[in-house]
């Protein structure tokens, strides 16, 4: 089983269905959800009927796939999560397990302090050394400058802009990757 070692300010653990309340709490800020659902917050029902079943489909502790909960070393507060799953997992195309998608969602009060970059870096560095993945990628809406900046800080390069077919609907996104 892959584990992520604590970084300077943060600790990590894979989230499970038992963390539904943390996931719901994170999704209650329209600004957090702006580039995901156009600001629509998640109901508890949606967390249980959509989000948790989707997470369960790619959750694989042995490979490090899932939602890595990010917690403060200082007070153990939940800051957000870093996603790891095969790129295109929910698409019609065969999943490429050598290309892992990274994503992140953090509470707004933690934006701008480098927590998402610190967490994504810790996850990326661990997966580089402990998984067989040869490529890491991320997507974001073109106007989501915060996420795009994290991609660049991780060393990812812009590939293109594309429409991603997701079970939740088509998403126009920029695609960044690194080998």
C-alpha atoms as a PDB file:
ATOM      1  CA  UNK A   1       0.000   0.000   0.000  1.00  0.00           C
ATOM      2  CA  UNK A   2       1.316   3.424  -0.953  1.00  0.00           C
ATOM      3  CA  UNK A   3       1.482   6.055   1.763  1.00  0.00           C
ATOM      4  CA  UNK A   4       2.344   9.736   1.464  1.00  0.00           C
ATOM      5  CA  UNK A   5       4.877  10.905   4.045  1.00  0.00           C
ATOM      6  CA  UNK A   6       4.092  14.132   5.872  1.00  0.00           C
ATOM      7  CA  UNK A   7       5.438  17.255   4.183  1.00  0.00           C
ATOM      8  CA  UNK A   8       6.521  20.483   5.876  1.00  0.00           C
ATOM      9  CA  UNK A   9       3.043  21.561   7.059  1.00  0.00           C
ATOM     10  CA  UNK A  10       0.749  18.713   6.033  1.00  0.00           C
ATOM     11  CA  UNK A  11      -0.197  15.067   6.569  1.00  0.00           C
ATOM     12  CA  UNK A  12      -2.046  12.781   4.162  1.00  0.00           C
ATOM     13  CA  UNK A  13      -4.372   9.774   4.188  1.00  0.00           C
ATOM     14  CA  UNK A  14      -6.643   8.195   1.610  1.00  0.00           C
ATOM     15  CA  UNK A  15     -10.233   9.239   2.148  1.00  0.00           C
ATOM     16  CA  UNK A  16     -13.040   6.664   2.324  1.00  0.00           C
ATOM     17  CA  UNK A  17     -16.831   6.685   2.436  1.00  0.00           C
ATOM     18  CA  UNK A  18     -16.463   7.354   6.177  1.00  0.00           C
ATOM     19  CA  UNK A  19     -15.203  10.836   5.217  1.00  0.00           C
ATOM     20  CA  UNK A  20     -18.478  11.864   3.538  1.00  0.00           C
ATOM     21  CA  UNK A  21     -18.978  14.732   5.980  1.00  0.00           C
ATOM     22  CA  UNK A  22     -15.532  16.199   5.166  1.00  0.00           C
ATOM     23  CA  UNK A  23     -16.278  15.975   1.449  1.00  0.00           C
ATOM     24  CA  UNK A  24     -19.688  17.612   1.907  1.00  0.00           C
ATOM     25  CA  UNK A  25     -18.179  20.402   4.042  1.00  0.00           C
ATOM     26  CA  UNK A  26     -15.560  21.170   1.373  1.00  0.00           C
ATOM     27  CA  UNK A  27     -18.210  21.422  -1.337  1.00  0.00           C
ATOM     28  CA  UNK A  28     -20.350  23.986   0.557  1.00  0.00           C
ATOM     29  CA  UNK A  29     -18.480  27.047  -0.731  1.00  0.00           C
ATOM     30  CA  UNK A  30     -19.717  28.265  -4.153  1.00  0.00           C
ATOM     31  CA  UNK A  31     -16.237  29.712  -4.832  1.00  0.00           C
ATOM     32  CA  UNK A  32     -14.636  26.284  -4.274  1.00  0.00           C
ATOM     33  CA  UNK A  33     -17.172  24.778  -6.682  1.00  0.00           C
ATOM     34  CA  UNK A  34     -16.949  27.603  -9.259  1.00  0.00           C
ATOM     35  CA  UNK A  35     -14.855  25.682 -11.807  1.00  0.00           C
ATOM     36  CA  UNK A  36     -16.365  22.283 -11.040  1.00  0.00           C
ATOM     37  CA  UNK A  37     -20.133  22.807 -10.985  1.00  0.00           C
ATOM     38  CA  UNK A  38     -20.333  26.507 -11.891  1.00  0.00           C
ATOM     39  CA  UNK A  39     -20.754  27.288  -8.185  1.00  0.00           C
ATOM     40  CA  UNK A  40     -23.480  24.776  -7.343  1.00  0.00           C
ATOM     41  CA  UNK A  41     -22.770  23.316  -3.901  1.00  0.00           C
ATOM     42  CA  UNK A  42     -23.119  19.585  -3.259  1.00  0.00           C
ATOM     43  CA  UNK A  43     -25.981  18.183  -1.228  1.00  0.00           C
ATOM     44  CA  UNK A  44     -25.326  15.373   1.221  1.00  0.00           C
ATOM     45  CA  UNK A  45     -27.444  13.175  -1.058  1.00  0.00           C
ATOM     46  CA  UNK A  46     -25.189  13.946  -4.040  1.00  0.00           C
ATOM     47  CA  UNK A  47     -22.081  13.140  -1.971  1.00  0.00           C
ATOM     48  CA  UNK A  48     -23.597   9.745  -1.113  1.00  0.00           C
ATOM     49  CA  UNK A  49     -25.224   8.900  -4.458  1.00  0.00           C
ATOM     50  CA  UNK A  50     -22.694  10.357  -6.942  1.00  0.00           C
ATOM     51  CA  UNK A  51     -19.387  11.396  -5.385  1.00  0.00           C
ATOM     52  CA  UNK A  52     -18.708   8.406  -3.094  1.00  0.00           C
ATOM     53  CA  UNK A  53     -19.677   5.757  -5.702  1.00  0.00           C
ATOM     54  CA  UNK A  54     -17.397   7.472  -8.265  1.00  0.00           C
ATOM     55  CA  UNK A  55     -14.543   7.620  -5.733  1.00  0.00           C
ATOM     56  CA  UNK A  56     -15.021   3.917  -4.920  1.00  0.00           C
ATOM     57  CA  UNK A  57     -14.544   2.986  -8.591  1.00  0.00           C
ATOM     58  CA  UNK A  58     -10.945   4.230  -8.701  1.00  0.00           C
ATOM     59  CA  UNK A  59      -9.968   3.870  -5.017  1.00  0.00           C
ATOM     60  CA  UNK A  60      -6.925   1.568  -4.907  1.00  0.00           C
ATOM     61  CA  UNK A  61      -4.595   1.961  -1.881  1.00  0.00           C
ATOM     62  CA  UNK A  62      -2.028  -0.454  -3.325  1.00  0.00           C
ATOM     63  CA  UNK A  63      -1.555   1.833  -6.320  1.00  0.00           C
ATOM     64  CA  UNK A  64      -2.073   5.118  -4.457  1.00  0.00           C
ATOM     65  CA  UNK A  65      -5.262   5.918  -6.371  1.00  0.00           C
ATOM     66  CA  UNK A  66      -8.035   7.812  -4.658  1.00  0.00           C
ATOM     67  CA  UNK A  67      -8.585  11.075  -2.850  1.00  0.00           C
ATOM     68  CA  UNK A  68      -5.691  11.916  -0.568  1.00  0.00           C
ATOM     69  CA  UNK A  69      -7.090  13.913   2.328  1.00  0.00           C
ATOM     70  CA  UNK A  70      -4.809  16.801   3.268  1.00  0.00           C
ATOM     71  CA  UNK A  71      -4.600  17.743   6.955  1.00  0.00           C
ATOM     72  CA  UNK A  72      -2.736  20.404   8.898  1.00  0.00           C
ATOM     73  CA  UNK A  73       0.168  19.094  10.985  1.00  0.00           C
ATOM     74  CA  UNK A  74      -0.520  21.935  13.421  1.00  0.00           C
ATOM     75  CA  UNK A  75      -4.174  21.265  14.322  1.00  0.00           C
ATOM     76  CA  UNK A  76      -5.204  18.250  12.155  1.00  0.00           C
ATOM     77  CA  UNK A  77      -7.771  20.420  10.319  1.00  0.00           C
ATOM     78  CA  UNK A  78      -8.982  19.076   6.959  1.00  0.00           C
ATOM     79  CA  UNK A  79      -7.770  21.452   4.224  1.00  0.00           C
ATOM     80  CA  UNK A  80      -8.896  19.573   1.110  1.00  0.00           C
ATOM     81  CA  UNK A  81      -7.773  16.718  -1.085  1.00  0.00           C
ATOM     82  CA  UNK A  82      -5.513  15.662  -3.941  1.00  0.00           C
ATOM     83  CA  UNK A  83      -7.025  13.275  -6.502  1.00  0.00           C
ATOM     84  CA  UNK A  84      -5.080  10.421  -8.106  1.00  0.00           C
ATOM     85  CA  UNK A  85      -6.642   8.165 -10.747  1.00  0.00           C
ATOM     86  CA  UNK A  86      -5.831   6.957 -14.249  1.00  0.00           C
ATOM     87  CA  UNK A  87      -6.316   9.761 -16.778  1.00  0.00           C
ATOM     88  CA  UNK A  88      -9.597   9.381 -18.614  1.00  0.00           C
ATOM     89  CA  UNK A  89     -10.938   6.956 -16.000  1.00  0.00           C
ATOM     90  CA  UNK A  90     -14.576   7.889 -16.619  1.00  0.00           C
ATOM     91  CA  UNK A  91     -14.284   8.310 -20.396  1.00  0.00           C
ATOM     92  CA  UNK A  92     -15.277   5.924 -23.169  1.00  0.00           C
ATOM     93  CA  UNK A  93     -11.630   5.422 -24.043  1.00  0.00           C
ATOM     94  CA  UNK A  94      -9.593   2.637 -22.465  1.00  0.00           C
ATOM     95  CA  UNK A  95      -7.939   3.798 -19.275  1.00  0.00           C
ATOM     96  CA  UNK A  96      -4.183   4.313 -19.405  1.00  0.00           C
ATOM     97  CA  UNK A  97      -2.804   3.343 -16.011  1.00  0.00           C
ATOM     98  CA  UNK A  98       0.623   4.720 -16.978  1.00  0.00           C
ATOM     99  CA  UNK A  99      -0.820   8.261 -17.104  1.00  0.00           C
ATOM    100  CA  UNK A 100      -2.170   9.339 -13.726  1.00  0.00           C
ATOM    101  CA  UNK A 101      -4.468  12.318 -13.357  1.00  0.00           C
ATOM    102  CA  UNK A 102      -3.797  14.650 -10.462  1.00  0.00           C
ATOM    103  CA  UNK A 103      -6.414  17.088  -9.233  1.00  0.00           C
ATOM    104  CA  UNK A 104      -7.084  19.106  -6.098  1.00  0.00           C
ATOM    105  CA  UNK A 105      -9.824  20.829  -4.181  1.00  0.00           C
ATOM    106  CA  UNK A 106      -9.133  22.960  -1.095  1.00  0.00           C
ATOM    107  CA  UNK A 107     -11.154  25.075   1.289  1.00  0.00           C
ATOM    108  CA  UNK A 108     -11.013  28.705   0.250  1.00  0.00           C
ATOM    109  CA  UNK A 109      -9.424  29.848   3.521  1.00  0.00           C
ATOM    110  CA  UNK A 110      -6.340  27.826   2.546  1.00  0.00           C
ATOM    111  CA  UNK A 111      -5.974  29.274  -0.950  1.00  0.00           C
ATOM    112  CA  UNK A 112      -2.911  31.342  -1.753  1.00  0.00           C
ATOM    113  CA  UNK A 113      -0.696  29.867   0.985  1.00  0.00           C
ATOM    114  CA  UNK A 114       0.928  27.141  -1.107  1.00  0.00           C
ATOM    115  CA  UNK A 115      -0.906  24.236   0.557  1.00  0.00           C
ATOM    116  CA  UNK A 116      -2.276  22.767  -2.697  1.00  0.00           C
ATOM    117  CA  UNK A 117       1.146  22.957  -4.341  1.00  0.00           C
ATOM    118  CA  UNK A 118       2.827  21.418  -1.274  1.00  0.00           C
ATOM    119  CA  UNK A 119       0.268  18.600  -1.177  1.00  0.00           C
ATOM    120  CA  UNK A 120       0.293  17.911  -4.931  1.00  0.00           C
ATOM    121  CA  UNK A 121       4.113  17.880  -4.877  1.00  0.00           C
ATOM    122  CA  UNK A 122       4.182  15.365  -2.005  1.00  0.00           C
ATOM    123  CA  UNK A 123       1.717  13.097  -3.798  1.00  0.00           C
ATOM    124  CA  UNK A 124       3.510  13.435  -7.149  1.00  0.00           C
ATOM    125  CA  UNK A 125       6.954  12.727  -5.707  1.00  0.00           C
ATOM    126  CA  UNK A 126       5.691   9.629  -3.888  1.00  0.00           C
ATOM    127  CA  UNK A 127       3.942   8.285  -6.976  1.00  0.00           C
ATOM    128  CA  UNK A 128       7.017   8.915  -9.115  1.00  0.00           C
ATOM    129  CA  UNK A 129       9.084   6.676  -6.847  1.00  0.00           C
ATOM    130  CA  UNK A 130       6.489   4.086  -5.782  1.00  0.00           C
ATOM    131  CA  UNK A 131       4.199   3.562  -8.777  1.00  0.00           C
ATOM    132  CA  UNK A 132       4.716   2.320 -12.310  1.00  0.00           C
ATOM    133  CA  UNK A 133       3.189   5.463 -13.831  1.00  0.00           C
ATOM    134  CA  UNK A 134       5.375   7.161 -16.413  1.00  0.00           C
ATOM    135  CA  UNK A 135       3.212  10.230 -16.982  1.00  0.00           C
ATOM    136  CA  UNK A 136       1.235  12.615 -14.774  1.00  0.00           C
ATOM    137  CA  UNK A 137      -1.469  14.919 -16.096  1.00  0.00           C
ATOM    138  CA  UNK A 138      -4.068  17.412 -14.937  1.00  0.00           C
ATOM    139  CA  UNK A 139      -7.018  19.264 -16.397  1.00  0.00           C
ATOM    140  CA  UNK A 140      -8.751  22.499 -15.462  1.00  0.00           C
ATOM    141  CA  UNK A 141     -11.233  24.910 -16.934  1.00  0.00           C
ATOM    142  CA  UNK A 142      -9.272  27.472 -18.983  1.00  0.00           C
ATOM    143  CA  UNK A 143     -10.202  30.323 -16.632  1.00  0.00           C
ATOM    144  CA  UNK A 144      -9.106  28.458 -13.474  1.00  0.00           C
ATOM    145  CA  UNK A 145      -5.789  30.264 -13.097  1.00  0.00           C
ATOM    146  CA  UNK A 146      -5.173  28.936  -9.582  1.00  0.00           C
ATOM    147  CA  UNK A 147      -5.169  25.306 -10.697  1.00  0.00           C
ATOM    148  CA  UNK A 148      -3.215  26.078 -13.855  1.00  0.00           C
ATOM    149  CA  UNK A 149      -0.541  27.779 -11.750  1.00  0.00           C
ATOM    150  CA  UNK A 150      -0.234  24.650  -9.598  1.00  0.00           C
ATOM    151  CA  UNK A 151       0.180  22.525 -12.744  1.00  0.00           C
ATOM    152  CA  UNK A 152       3.008  24.798 -13.886  1.00  0.00           C
ATOM    153  CA  UNK A 153       4.662  24.727 -10.428  1.00  0.00           C
ATOM    154  CA  UNK A 154       4.598  20.915 -10.591  1.00  0.00           C
ATOM    155  CA  UNK A 155       6.505  21.124 -13.879  1.00  0.00           C
ATOM    156  CA  UNK A 156       3.621  20.148 -16.142  1.00  0.00           C
ATOM    157  CA  UNK A 157       3.483  21.537 -19.665  1.00  0.00           C
ATOM    158  CA  UNK A 158       0.418  22.725 -21.582  1.00  0.00           C
ATOM    159  CA  UNK A 159      -0.664  20.209 -24.246  1.00  0.00           C
ATOM    160  CA  UNK A 160      -3.971  21.543 -25.566  1.00  0.00           C
ATOM    161  CA  UNK A 161      -7.530  22.547 -24.818  1.00  0.00           C
ATOM    162  CA  UNK A 162     -10.136  19.853 -25.294  1.00  0.00           C
ATOM    163  CA  UNK A 163     -13.651  18.768 -24.449  1.00  0.00           C
ATOM    164  CA  UNK A 164     -13.578  15.987 -21.881  1.00  0.00           C
ATOM    165  CA  UNK A 165     -16.580  13.653 -21.877  1.00  0.00           C
ATOM    166  CA  UNK A 166     -17.448  12.951 -18.257  1.00  0.00           C
ATOM    167  CA  UNK A 167     -20.452  11.123 -16.827  1.00  0.00           C
ATOM    168  CA  UNK A 168     -21.348  14.420 -15.188  1.00  0.00           C
ATOM    169  CA  UNK A 169     -21.341  16.105 -18.610  1.00  0.00           C
ATOM    170  CA  UNK A 170     -18.843  17.485 -21.164  1.00  0.00           C
ATOM    171  CA  UNK A 171     -16.132  19.750 -19.753  1.00  0.00           C
ATOM    172  CA  UNK A 172     -13.994  22.181 -21.762  1.00  0.00           C
ATOM    173  CA  UNK A 173     -10.553  21.942 -20.180  1.00  0.00           C
ATOM    174  CA  UNK A 174      -6.912  22.716 -20.625  1.00  0.00           C
ATOM    175  CA  UNK A 175      -4.718  19.650 -20.489  1.00  0.00           C
ATOM    176  CA  UNK A 176      -1.259  19.694 -18.898  1.00  0.00           C
ATOM    177  CA  UNK A 177       1.160  16.773 -18.573  1.00  0.00           C
ATOM    178  CA  UNK A 178       4.669  15.707 -17.623  1.00  0.00           C
ATOM    179  CA  UNK A 179       6.691  12.527 -18.087  1.00  0.00           C
END
